[in-house]
């Protein structure tokens, strides 16, 4: 399959890196990026979202999931018309199972 990833990068992505890369906060990562380190070499500290954050997320997901899905579909149609049916799409959506029912 044609990809923009180098073989050694894909292998890295599939490795268990527990304990090899210590997650860093936003300010520290930004400082390292400004000094030339690539963002893909670092992991952010993952915080548990607050209930207020999740409430806002759920509300905005209800409002925007359908228009975004329709826009993605329209774009996919344009790509298919331009490049033919032999092109490959990769799409990831964390809300796939819950919010893709547009009745």
PDB file of N, CA and C in Angstrom:
ATOM      1  N   UNK A   1       0.838  -1.182   0.000  1.00  0.00           N
ATOM      2  CA  UNK A   1       0.000   0.000   0.000  1.00  0.00           C
ATOM      3  C   UNK A   1       0.882   1.244   0.000  1.00  0.00           C
ATOM      4  N   UNK A   2       0.485   2.224  -0.764  1.00  0.00           N
ATOM      5  CA  UNK A   2       1.223   3.476  -0.797  1.00  0.00           C
ATOM      6  C   UNK A   2       0.906   4.302   0.442  1.00  0.00           C
ATOM      7  N   UNK A   3       1.929   4.824   1.083  1.00  0.00           N
ATOM      8  CA  UNK A   3       1.733   5.606   2.304  1.00  0.00           C
ATOM      9  C   UNK A   3       2.814   6.670   2.423  1.00  0.00           C
ATOM     10  N   UNK A   4       2.546   7.698   3.192  1.00  0.00           N
ATOM     11  CA  UNK A   4       3.545   8.740   3.421  1.00  0.00           C
ATOM     12  C   UNK A   4       4.435   8.402   4.616  1.00  0.00           C
ATOM     13  N   UNK A   5       4.080   7.342   5.358  1.00  0.00           N
ATOM     14  CA  UNK A   5       4.882   6.933   6.507  1.00  0.00           C
ATOM     15  C   UNK A   5       6.094   6.125   6.064  1.00  0.00           C
ATOM     16  N   UNK A   6       7.214   6.332   6.740  1.00  0.00           N
ATOM     17  CA  UNK A   6       8.400   5.506   6.524  1.00  0.00           C
ATOM     18  C   UNK A   6       8.211   4.213   7.315  1.00  0.00           C
ATOM     19  N   UNK A   7       8.746   3.113   6.818  1.00  0.00           N
ATOM     20  CA  UNK A   7       8.589   1.818   7.495  1.00  0.00           C
ATOM     21  C   UNK A   7       9.002   1.889   8.957  1.00  0.00           C
ATOM     22  N   UNK A   8      10.115   2.562   9.257  1.00  0.00           N
ATOM     23  CA  UNK A   8      10.576   2.629  10.639  1.00  0.00           C
ATOM     24  C   UNK A   8       9.623   3.438  11.529  1.00  0.00           C
ATOM     25  N   UNK A   9       8.890   4.396  10.940  1.00  0.00           N
ATOM     26  CA  UNK A   9       7.907   5.151  11.714  1.00  0.00           C
ATOM     27  C   UNK A   9       6.706   4.290  12.065  1.00  0.00           C
ATOM     28  N   UNK A  10       6.268   3.474  11.128  1.00  0.00           N
ATOM     29  CA  UNK A  10       5.117   2.609  11.369  1.00  0.00           C
ATOM     30  C   UNK A  10       5.452   1.584  12.444  1.00  0.00           C
ATOM     31  N   UNK A  11       6.639   1.043  12.397  1.00  0.00           N
ATOM     32  CA  UNK A  11       7.069   0.098  13.426  1.00  0.00           C
ATOM     33  C   UNK A  11       7.062   0.789  14.785  1.00  0.00           C
ATOM     34  N   UNK A  12       7.558   2.015  14.843  1.00  0.00           N
ATOM     35  CA  UNK A  12       7.557   2.776  16.090  1.00  0.00           C
ATOM     36  C   UNK A  12       6.140   2.945  16.614  1.00  0.00           C
ATOM     37  N   UNK A  13       5.201   3.250  15.735  1.00  0.00           N
ATOM     38  CA  UNK A  13       3.826   3.475  16.152  1.00  0.00           C
ATOM     39  C   UNK A  13       3.179   2.220  16.724  1.00  0.00           C
ATOM     40  N   UNK A  14       3.670   1.059  16.336  1.00  0.00           N
ATOM     41  CA  UNK A  14       3.093  -0.191  16.803  1.00  0.00           C
ATOM     42  C   UNK A  14       3.793  -0.754  18.034  1.00  0.00           C
ATOM     43  N   UNK A  15       4.888  -0.152  18.450  1.00  0.00           N
ATOM     44  CA  UNK A  15       5.617  -0.630  19.621  1.00  0.00           C
ATOM     45  C   UNK A  15       4.937  -0.194  20.913  1.00  0.00           C
ATOM     46  N   UNK A  16       5.075  -1.014  21.937  1.00  0.00           N
ATOM     47  CA  UNK A  16       4.643  -0.615  23.274  1.00  0.00           C
ATOM     48  C   UNK A  16       5.718   0.328  23.809  1.00  0.00           C
ATOM     49  N   UNK A  17       5.383   1.578  23.987  1.00  0.00           N
ATOM     50  CA  UNK A  17       6.382   2.568  24.419  1.00  0.00           C
ATOM     51  C   UNK A  17       6.215   2.940  25.893  1.00  0.00           C
ATOM     52  N   UNK A  18       5.485   2.120  26.626  1.00  0.00           N
ATOM     53  CA  UNK A  18       5.295   2.364  28.050  1.00  0.00           C
ATOM     54  C   UNK A  18       6.654   2.504  28.733  1.00  0.00           C
ATOM     55  N   UNK A  19       6.865   3.623  29.387  1.00  0.00           N
ATOM     56  CA  UNK A  19       8.104   3.864  30.107  1.00  0.00           C
ATOM     57  C   UNK A  19       9.247   4.378  29.247  1.00  0.00           C
ATOM     58  N   UNK A  20       9.094   4.362  27.921  1.00  0.00           N
ATOM     59  CA  UNK A  20      10.164   4.831  27.031  1.00  0.00           C
ATOM     60  C   UNK A  20      10.046   6.322  26.732  1.00  0.00           C
ATOM     61  N   UNK A  21       8.835   6.802  26.660  1.00  0.00           N
ATOM     62  CA  UNK A  21       8.596   8.221  26.398  1.00  0.00           C
ATOM     63  C   UNK A  21       7.700   8.735  27.513  1.00  0.00           C
ATOM     64  N   UNK A  22       8.195   9.687  28.267  1.00  0.00           N
ATOM     65  CA  UNK A  22       7.432  10.238  29.388  1.00  0.00           C
ATOM     66  C   UNK A  22       6.558  11.380  28.877  1.00  0.00           C
ATOM     67  N   UNK A  23       5.252  11.330  29.112  1.00  0.00           N
ATOM     68  CA  UNK A  23       4.364  12.410  28.681  1.00  0.00           C
ATOM     69  C   UNK A  23       4.786  13.746  29.289  1.00  0.00           C
ATOM     70  N   UNK A  24       4.616  14.807  28.506  1.00  0.00           N
ATOM     71  CA  UNK A  24       4.999  16.158  28.939  1.00  0.00           C
ATOM     72  C   UNK A  24       3.808  17.095  28.820  1.00  0.00           C
ATOM     73  N   UNK A  25       3.822  18.137  29.635  1.00  0.00           N
ATOM     74  CA  UNK A  25       2.780  19.157  29.592  1.00  0.00           C
ATOM     75  C   UNK A  25       2.919  20.033  28.360  1.00  0.00           C
ATOM     76  N   UNK A  26       1.881  20.808  28.091  1.00  0.00           N
ATOM     77  CA  UNK A  26       1.829  21.646  26.891  1.00  0.00           C
ATOM     78  C   UNK A  26       2.977  22.636  26.821  1.00  0.00           C
ATOM     79  N   UNK A  27       3.257  23.322  27.922  1.00  0.00           N
ATOM     80  CA  UNK A  27       4.329  24.337  27.909  1.00  0.00           C
ATOM     81  C   UNK A  27       5.683  23.705  27.625  1.00  0.00           C
ATOM     82  N   UNK A  28       5.948  22.570  28.244  1.00  0.00           N
ATOM     83  CA  UNK A  28       7.233  21.902  28.036  1.00  0.00           C
ATOM     84  C   UNK A  28       7.360  21.401  26.596  1.00  0.00           C
ATOM     85  N   UNK A  29       6.282  20.827  26.045  1.00  0.00           N
ATOM     86  CA  UNK A  29       6.319  20.344  24.660  1.00  0.00           C
ATOM     87  C   UNK A  29       6.502  21.502  23.694  1.00  0.00           C
ATOM     88  N   UNK A  30       5.807  22.610  23.939  1.00  0.00           N
ATOM     89  CA  UNK A  30       5.941  23.782  23.068  1.00  0.00           C
ATOM     90  C   UNK A  30       7.374  24.309  23.073  1.00  0.00           C
ATOM     91  N   UNK A  31       7.979  24.344  24.240  1.00  0.00           N
ATOM     92  CA  UNK A  31       9.369  24.796  24.367  1.00  0.00           C
ATOM     93  C   UNK A  31      10.295  23.886  23.549  1.00  0.00           C
ATOM     94  N   UNK A  32      10.084  22.581  23.640  1.00  0.00           N
ATOM     95  CA  UNK A  32      10.910  21.621  22.900  1.00  0.00           C
ATOM     96  C   UNK A  32      10.679  21.736  21.392  1.00  0.00           C
ATOM     97  N   UNK A  33       9.433  21.957  20.984  1.00  0.00           N
ATOM     98  CA  UNK A  33       9.133  22.138  19.561  1.00  0.00           C
ATOM     99  C   UNK A  33       9.834  23.390  19.040  1.00  0.00           C
ATOM    100  N   UNK A  34       9.796  24.470  19.815  1.00  0.00           N
ATOM    101  CA  UNK A  34      10.462  25.715  19.407  1.00  0.00           C
ATOM    102  C   UNK A  34      11.967  25.537  19.289  1.00  0.00           C
ATOM    103  N   UNK A  35      12.520  24.584  20.046  1.00  0.00           N
ATOM    104  CA  UNK A  35      13.966  24.354  19.975  1.00  0.00           C
ATOM    105  C   UNK A  35      14.336  23.311  18.912  1.00  0.00           C
ATOM    106  N   UNK A  36      13.332  22.817  18.148  1.00  0.00           N
ATOM    107  CA  UNK A  36      13.632  21.941  17.035  1.00  0.00           C
ATOM    108  C   UNK A  36      13.184  20.498  17.157  1.00  0.00           C
ATOM    109  N   UNK A  37      12.677  20.075  18.310  1.00  0.00           N
ATOM    110  CA  UNK A  37      12.208  18.693  18.458  1.00  0.00           C
ATOM    111  C   UNK A  37      10.859  18.557  17.750  1.00  0.00           C
ATOM    112  N   UNK A  38      10.644  17.436  17.078  1.00  0.00           N
ATOM    113  CA  UNK A  38       9.400  17.230  16.350  1.00  0.00           C
ATOM    114  C   UNK A  38       8.291  16.788  17.308  1.00  0.00           C
ATOM    115  N   UNK A  39       7.091  17.310  17.093  1.00  0.00           N
ATOM    116  CA  UNK A  39       5.977  16.998  17.998  1.00  0.00           C
ATOM    117  C   UNK A  39       5.661  15.514  18.067  1.00  0.00           C
ATOM    118  N   UNK A  40       5.956  14.772  17.003  1.00  0.00           N
ATOM    119  CA  UNK A  40       5.632  13.338  16.992  1.00  0.00           C
ATOM    120  C   UNK A  40       6.550  12.527  17.900  1.00  0.00           C
ATOM    121  N   UNK A  41       7.602  13.149  18.396  1.00  0.00           N
ATOM    122  CA  UNK A  41       8.526  12.457  19.303  1.00  0.00           C
ATOM    123  C   UNK A  41       8.117  12.600  20.766  1.00  0.00           C
ATOM    124  N   UNK A  42       6.975  13.235  21.003  1.00  0.00           N
ATOM    125  CA  UNK A  42       6.536  13.487  22.372  1.00  0.00           C
ATOM    126  C   UNK A  42       5.091  13.049  22.560  1.00  0.00           C
ATOM    127  N   UNK A  43       4.736  12.779  23.789  1.00  0.00           N
ATOM    128  CA  UNK A  43       3.358  12.473  24.145  1.00  0.00           C
ATOM    129  C   UNK A  43       2.838  13.537  25.093  1.00  0.00           C
ATOM    130  N   UNK A  44       1.581  13.965  24.897  1.00  0.00           N
ATOM    131  CA  UNK A  44       1.004  14.922  25.846  1.00  0.00           C
ATOM    132  C   UNK A  44       0.522  14.198  27.099  1.00  0.00           C
ATOM    133  N   UNK A  45       0.471  14.932  28.188  1.00  0.00           N
ATOM    134  CA  UNK A  45      -0.164  14.391  29.394  1.00  0.00           C
ATOM    135  C   UNK A  45      -1.656  14.359  29.094  1.00  0.00           C
ATOM    136  N   UNK A  46      -2.281  13.226  29.315  1.00  0.00           N
ATOM    137  CA  UNK A  46      -3.715  13.099  29.057  1.00  0.00           C
ATOM    138  C   UNK A  46      -4.480  13.286  30.354  1.00  0.00           C
ATOM    139  N   UNK A  47      -5.326  14.289  30.352  1.00  0.00           N
ATOM    140  CA  UNK A  47      -6.128  14.598  31.523  1.00  0.00           C
ATOM    141  C   UNK A  47      -7.533  14.034  31.343  1.00  0.00           C
ATOM    142  N   UNK A  48      -8.169  13.672  32.430  1.00  0.00           N
ATOM    143  CA  UNK A  48      -9.562  13.236  32.373  1.00  0.00           C
ATOM    144  C   UNK A  48     -10.413  14.496  32.250  1.00  0.00           C
ATOM    145  N   UNK A  49     -11.256  14.564  31.212  1.00  0.00           N
ATOM    146  CA  UNK A  49     -12.070  15.774  31.035  1.00  0.00           C
ATOM    147  C   UNK A  49     -13.089  15.937  32.157  1.00  0.00           C
ATOM    148  N   UNK A  50     -13.393  17.173  32.471  1.00  0.00           N
ATOM    149  CA  UNK A  50     -14.396  17.463  33.492  1.00  0.00           C
ATOM    150  C   UNK A  50     -15.786  17.155  32.949  1.00  0.00           C
ATOM    151  N   UNK A  51     -16.759  17.061  33.820  1.00  0.00           N
ATOM    152  CA  UNK A  51     -18.134  16.811  33.381  1.00  0.00           C
ATOM    153  C   UNK A  51     -18.640  17.965  32.521  1.00  0.00           C
ATOM    154  N   UNK A  52     -18.267  19.198  32.879  1.00  0.00           N
ATOM    155  CA  UNK A  52     -18.687  20.369  32.087  1.00  0.00           C
ATOM    156  C   UNK A  52     -18.131  20.260  30.662  1.00  0.00           C
ATOM    157  N   UNK A  53     -16.864  19.882  30.536  1.00  0.00           N
ATOM    158  CA  UNK A  53     -16.246  19.710  29.229  1.00  0.00           C
ATOM    159  C   UNK A  53     -17.017  18.654  28.429  1.00  0.00           C
ATOM    160  N   UNK A  54     -17.323  17.522  29.061  1.00  0.00           N
ATOM    161  CA  UNK A  54     -18.035  16.447  28.375  1.00  0.00           C
ATOM    162  C   UNK A  54     -19.446  16.869  27.976  1.00  0.00           C
ATOM    163  N   UNK A  55     -20.101  17.661  28.806  1.00  0.00           N
ATOM    164  CA  UNK A  55     -21.441  18.154  28.467  1.00  0.00           C
ATOM    165  C   UNK A  55     -21.394  19.043  27.225  1.00  0.00           C
ATOM    166  N   UNK A  56     -20.424  19.946  27.187  1.00  0.00           N
ATOM    167  CA  UNK A  56     -20.256  20.827  26.020  1.00  0.00           C
ATOM    168  C   UNK A  56     -19.914  19.987  24.782  1.00  0.00           C
ATOM    169  N   UNK A  57     -19.011  19.032  24.941  1.00  0.00           N
ATOM    170  CA  UNK A  57     -18.618  18.150  23.835  1.00  0.00           C
ATOM    171  C   UNK A  57     -19.835  17.417  23.274  1.00  0.00           C
ATOM    172  N   UNK A  58     -20.630  16.819  24.148  1.00  0.00           N
ATOM    173  CA  UNK A  58     -21.813  16.067  23.717  1.00  0.00           C
ATOM    174  C   UNK A  58     -22.807  16.975  22.993  1.00  0.00           C
ATOM    175  N   UNK A  59     -23.013  18.171  23.511  1.00  0.00           N
ATOM    176  CA  UNK A  59     -23.950  19.107  22.894  1.00  0.00           C
ATOM    177  C   UNK A  59     -23.469  19.527  21.504  1.00  0.00           C
ATOM    178  N   UNK A  60     -22.195  19.869  21.386  1.00  0.00           N
ATOM    179  CA  UNK A  60     -21.666  20.280  20.086  1.00  0.00           C
ATOM    180  C   UNK A  60     -21.615  19.115  19.105  1.00  0.00           C
ATOM    181  N   UNK A  61     -21.394  17.924  19.613  1.00  0.00           N
ATOM    182  CA  UNK A  61     -21.411  16.740  18.763  1.00  0.00           C
ATOM    183  C   UNK A  61     -22.799  16.539  18.161  1.00  0.00           C
ATOM    184  N   UNK A  62     -23.834  16.749  18.965  1.00  0.00           N
ATOM    185  CA  UNK A  62     -25.208  16.634  18.466  1.00  0.00           C
ATOM    186  C   UNK A  62     -25.487  17.670  17.368  1.00  0.00           C
ATOM    187  N   UNK A  63     -24.955  18.865  17.548  1.00  0.00           N
ATOM    188  CA  UNK A  63     -25.201  19.955  16.603  1.00  0.00           C
ATOM    189  C   UNK A  63     -24.410  19.768  15.303  1.00  0.00           C
ATOM    190  N   UNK A  64     -23.145  19.400  15.413  1.00  0.00           N
ATOM    191  CA  UNK A  64     -22.251  19.444  14.249  1.00  0.00           C
ATOM    192  C   UNK A  64     -21.915  18.100  13.611  1.00  0.00           C
ATOM    193  N   UNK A  65     -22.261  16.970  14.222  1.00  0.00           N
ATOM    194  CA  UNK A  65     -21.852  15.689  13.642  1.00  0.00           C
ATOM    195  C   UNK A  65     -22.487  15.465  12.267  1.00  0.00           C
ATOM    196  N   UNK A  66     -23.751  15.788  12.103  1.00  0.00           N
ATOM    197  CA  UNK A  66     -24.403  15.576  10.809  1.00  0.00           C
ATOM    198  C   UNK A  66     -23.824  16.484   9.723  1.00  0.00           C
ATOM    199  N   UNK A  67     -23.703  17.808   9.947  1.00  0.00           N
ATOM    200  CA  UNK A  67     -23.142  18.637   8.883  1.00  0.00           C
ATOM    201  C   UNK A  67     -21.693  18.265   8.524  1.00  0.00           C
ATOM    202  N   UNK A  68     -20.908  17.869   9.523  1.00  0.00           N
ATOM    203  CA  UNK A  68     -19.528  17.463   9.232  1.00  0.00           C
ATOM    204  C   UNK A  68     -19.529  16.171   8.417  1.00  0.00           C
ATOM    205  N   UNK A  69     -20.368  15.218   8.802  1.00  0.00           N
ATOM    206  CA  UNK A  69     -20.450  13.953   8.069  1.00  0.00           C
ATOM    207  C   UNK A  69     -20.890  14.197   6.630  1.00  0.00           C
ATOM    208  N   UNK A  70     -21.853  15.072   6.438  1.00  0.00           N
ATOM    209  CA  UNK A  70     -22.305  15.380   5.075  1.00  0.00           C
ATOM    210  C   UNK A  70     -21.198  16.041   4.260  1.00  0.00           C
ATOM    211  N   UNK A  71     -20.457  16.944   4.874  1.00  0.00           N
ATOM    212  CA  UNK A  71     -19.345  17.603   4.177  1.00  0.00           C
ATOM    213  C   UNK A  71     -18.267  16.591   3.800  1.00  0.00           C
ATOM    214  N   UNK A  72     -17.962  15.663   4.699  1.00  0.00           N
ATOM    215  CA  UNK A  72     -16.973  14.618   4.408  1.00  0.00           C
ATOM    216  C   UNK A  72     -17.472  13.750   3.254  1.00  0.00           C
ATOM    217  N   UNK A  73     -18.749  13.418   3.257  1.00  0.00           N
ATOM    218  CA  UNK A  73     -19.329  12.631   2.169  1.00  0.00           C
ATOM    219  C   UNK A  73     -19.252  13.348   0.842  1.00  0.00           C
ATOM    220  N   UNK A  74     -19.548  14.652   0.833  1.00  0.00           N
ATOM    221  CA  UNK A  74     -19.462  15.437  -0.398  1.00  0.00           C
ATOM    222  C   UNK A  74     -18.028  15.493  -0.914  1.00  0.00           C
ATOM    223  N   UNK A  75     -17.086  15.664   0.004  1.00  0.00           N
ATOM    224  CA  UNK A  75     -15.682  15.675  -0.383  1.00  0.00           C
ATOM    225  C   UNK A  75     -15.268  14.322  -0.953  1.00  0.00           C
ATOM    226  N   UNK A  76     -15.707  13.247  -0.311  1.00  0.00           N
ATOM    227  CA  UNK A  76     -15.393  11.901  -0.809  1.00  0.00           C
ATOM    228  C   UNK A  76     -15.958  11.708  -2.214  1.00  0.00           C
ATOM    229  N   UNK A  77     -17.182  12.174  -2.448  1.00  0.00           N
ATOM    230  CA  UNK A  77     -17.776  12.076  -3.788  1.00  0.00           C
ATOM    231  C   UNK A  77     -16.941  12.819  -4.821  1.00  0.00           C
ATOM    232  N   UNK A  78     -16.485  14.013  -4.472  1.00  0.00           N
ATOM    233  CA  UNK A  78     -15.657  14.791  -5.402  1.00  0.00           C
ATOM    234  C   UNK A  78     -14.345  14.071  -5.704  1.00  0.00           C
ATOM    235  N   UNK A  79     -13.730  13.492  -4.668  1.00  0.00           N
ATOM    236  CA  UNK A  79     -12.474  12.760  -4.858  1.00  0.00           C
ATOM    237  C   UNK A  79     -12.708  11.551  -5.764  1.00  0.00           C
ATOM    238  N   UNK A  80     -13.796  10.828  -5.522  1.00  0.00           N
ATOM    239  CA  UNK A  80     -14.108   9.664  -6.353  1.00  0.00           C
ATOM    240  C   UNK A  80     -14.335  10.053  -7.811  1.00  0.00           C
ATOM    241  N   UNK A  81     -15.030  11.164  -8.031  1.00  0.00           N
ATOM    242  CA  UNK A  81     -15.271  11.633  -9.403  1.00  0.00           C
ATOM    243  C   UNK A  81     -13.965  12.016 -10.087  1.00  0.00           C
ATOM    244  N   UNK A  82     -13.064  12.627  -9.317  1.00  0.00           N
ATOM    245  CA  UNK A  82     -11.802  13.095  -9.879  1.00  0.00           C
ATOM    246  C   UNK A  82     -10.782  11.977 -10.040  1.00  0.00           C
ATOM    247  N   UNK A  83     -10.697  11.063  -9.070  1.00  0.00           N
ATOM    248  CA  UNK A  83      -9.640  10.051  -9.077  1.00  0.00           C
ATOM    249  C   UNK A  83     -10.122   8.635  -9.400  1.00  0.00           C
ATOM    250  N   UNK A  84     -11.396   8.436  -9.415  1.00  0.00           N
ATOM    251  CA  UNK A  84     -11.920   7.107  -9.711  1.00  0.00           C
ATOM    252  C   UNK A  84     -12.056   6.262  -8.454  1.00  0.00           C
ATOM    253  N   UNK A  85     -12.604   5.067  -8.647  1.00  0.00           N
ATOM    254  CA  UNK A  85     -12.928   4.213  -7.500  1.00  0.00           C
ATOM    255  C   UNK A  85     -11.750   3.429  -6.960  1.00  0.00           C
ATOM    256  N   UNK A  86     -10.572   3.623  -7.512  1.00  0.00           N
ATOM    257  CA  UNK A  86      -9.415   2.880  -7.012  1.00  0.00           C
ATOM    258  C   UNK A  86      -8.684   3.625  -5.897  1.00  0.00           C
ATOM    259  N   UNK A  87      -9.174   4.788  -5.508  1.00  0.00           N
ATOM    260  CA  UNK A  87      -8.520   5.509  -4.414  1.00  0.00           C
ATOM    261  C   UNK A  87      -8.983   4.929  -3.080  1.00  0.00           C
ATOM    262  N   UNK A  88      -8.221   5.186  -2.047  1.00  0.00           N
ATOM    263  CA  UNK A  88      -8.484   4.594  -0.735  1.00  0.00           C
ATOM    264  C   UNK A  88      -8.743   5.704   0.276  1.00  0.00           C
ATOM    265  N   UNK A  89      -9.777   5.537   1.108  1.00  0.00           N
ATOM    266  CA  UNK A  89     -10.090   6.513   2.149  1.00  0.00           C
ATOM    267  C   UNK A  89      -9.763   5.932   3.512  1.00  0.00           C
ATOM    268  N   UNK A  90      -9.239   6.782   4.361  1.00  0.00           N
ATOM    269  CA  UNK A  90      -9.018   6.395   5.751  1.00  0.00           C
ATOM    270  C   UNK A  90      -9.702   7.441   6.603  1.00  0.00           C
ATOM    271  N   UNK A  91     -10.635   7.022   7.449  1.00  0.00           N
ATOM    272  CA  UNK A  91     -11.405   7.967   8.247  1.00  0.00           C
ATOM    273  C   UNK A  91     -11.539   7.438   9.664  1.00  0.00           C
ATOM    274  N   UNK A  92     -11.197   8.259  10.629  1.00  0.00           N
ATOM    275  CA  UNK A  92     -11.311   7.871  12.023  1.00  0.00           C
ATOM    276  C   UNK A  92     -12.220   8.860  12.727  1.00  0.00           C
ATOM    277  N   UNK A  93     -13.152   8.332  13.493  1.00  0.00           N
ATOM    278  CA  UNK A  93     -14.057   9.189  14.250  1.00  0.00           C
ATOM    279  C   UNK A  93     -14.353   8.534  15.585  1.00  0.00           C
ATOM    280  N   UNK A  94     -14.019   9.226  16.659  1.00  0.00           N
ATOM    281  CA  UNK A  94     -14.236   8.650  17.990  1.00  0.00           C
ATOM    282  C   UNK A  94     -15.715   8.513  18.321  1.00  0.00           C
ATOM    283  N   UNK A  95     -16.566   9.207  17.593  1.00  0.00           N
ATOM    284  CA  UNK A  95     -17.997   9.173  17.894  1.00  0.00           C
ATOM    285  C   UNK A  95     -18.743   8.251  16.942  1.00  0.00           C
ATOM    286  N   UNK A  96     -18.047   7.454  16.152  1.00  0.00           N
ATOM    287  CA  UNK A  96     -18.646   6.639  15.097  1.00  0.00           C
ATOM    288  C   UNK A  96     -19.858   5.843  15.564  1.00  0.00           C
ATOM    289  N   UNK A  97     -19.713   5.050  16.608  1.00  0.00           N
ATOM    290  CA  UNK A  97     -20.776   4.138  17.022  1.00  0.00           C
ATOM    291  C   UNK A  97     -21.987   4.860  17.600  1.00  0.00           C
ATOM    292  N   UNK A  98     -21.773   5.982  18.220  1.00  0.00           N
ATOM    293  CA  UNK A  98     -22.858   6.642  18.935  1.00  0.00           C
ATOM    294  C   UNK A  98     -23.627   7.646  18.088  1.00  0.00           C
ATOM    295  N   UNK A  99     -22.949   8.392  17.238  1.00  0.00           N
ATOM    296  CA  UNK A  99     -23.580   9.560  16.638  1.00  0.00           C
ATOM    297  C   UNK A  99     -23.771   9.513  15.126  1.00  0.00           C
ATOM    298  N   UNK A 100     -23.617   8.379  14.497  1.00  0.00           N
ATOM    299  CA  UNK A 100     -23.771   8.340  13.053  1.00  0.00           C
ATOM    300  C   UNK A 100     -25.144   7.837  12.634  1.00  0.00           C
ATOM    301  N   UNK A 101     -26.145   8.099  13.446  1.00  0.00           N
ATOM    302  CA  UNK A 101     -27.520   7.778  13.101  1.00  0.00           C
ATOM    303  C   UNK A 101     -28.231   9.095  12.852  1.00  0.00           C
ATOM    304  N   UNK A 102     -28.531   9.402  11.583  1.00  0.00           N
ATOM    305  CA  UNK A 102     -29.046  10.726  11.241  1.00  0.00           C
ATOM    306  C   UNK A 102     -30.542  10.740  10.958  1.00  0.00           C
ATOM    307  N   UNK A 103     -31.288   9.920  11.616  1.00  0.00           N
ATOM    308  CA  UNK A 103     -32.742   9.886  11.378  1.00  0.00           C
ATOM    309  C   UNK A 103     -33.428  11.122  11.910  1.00  0.00           C
TER     310      UNK A 103
END
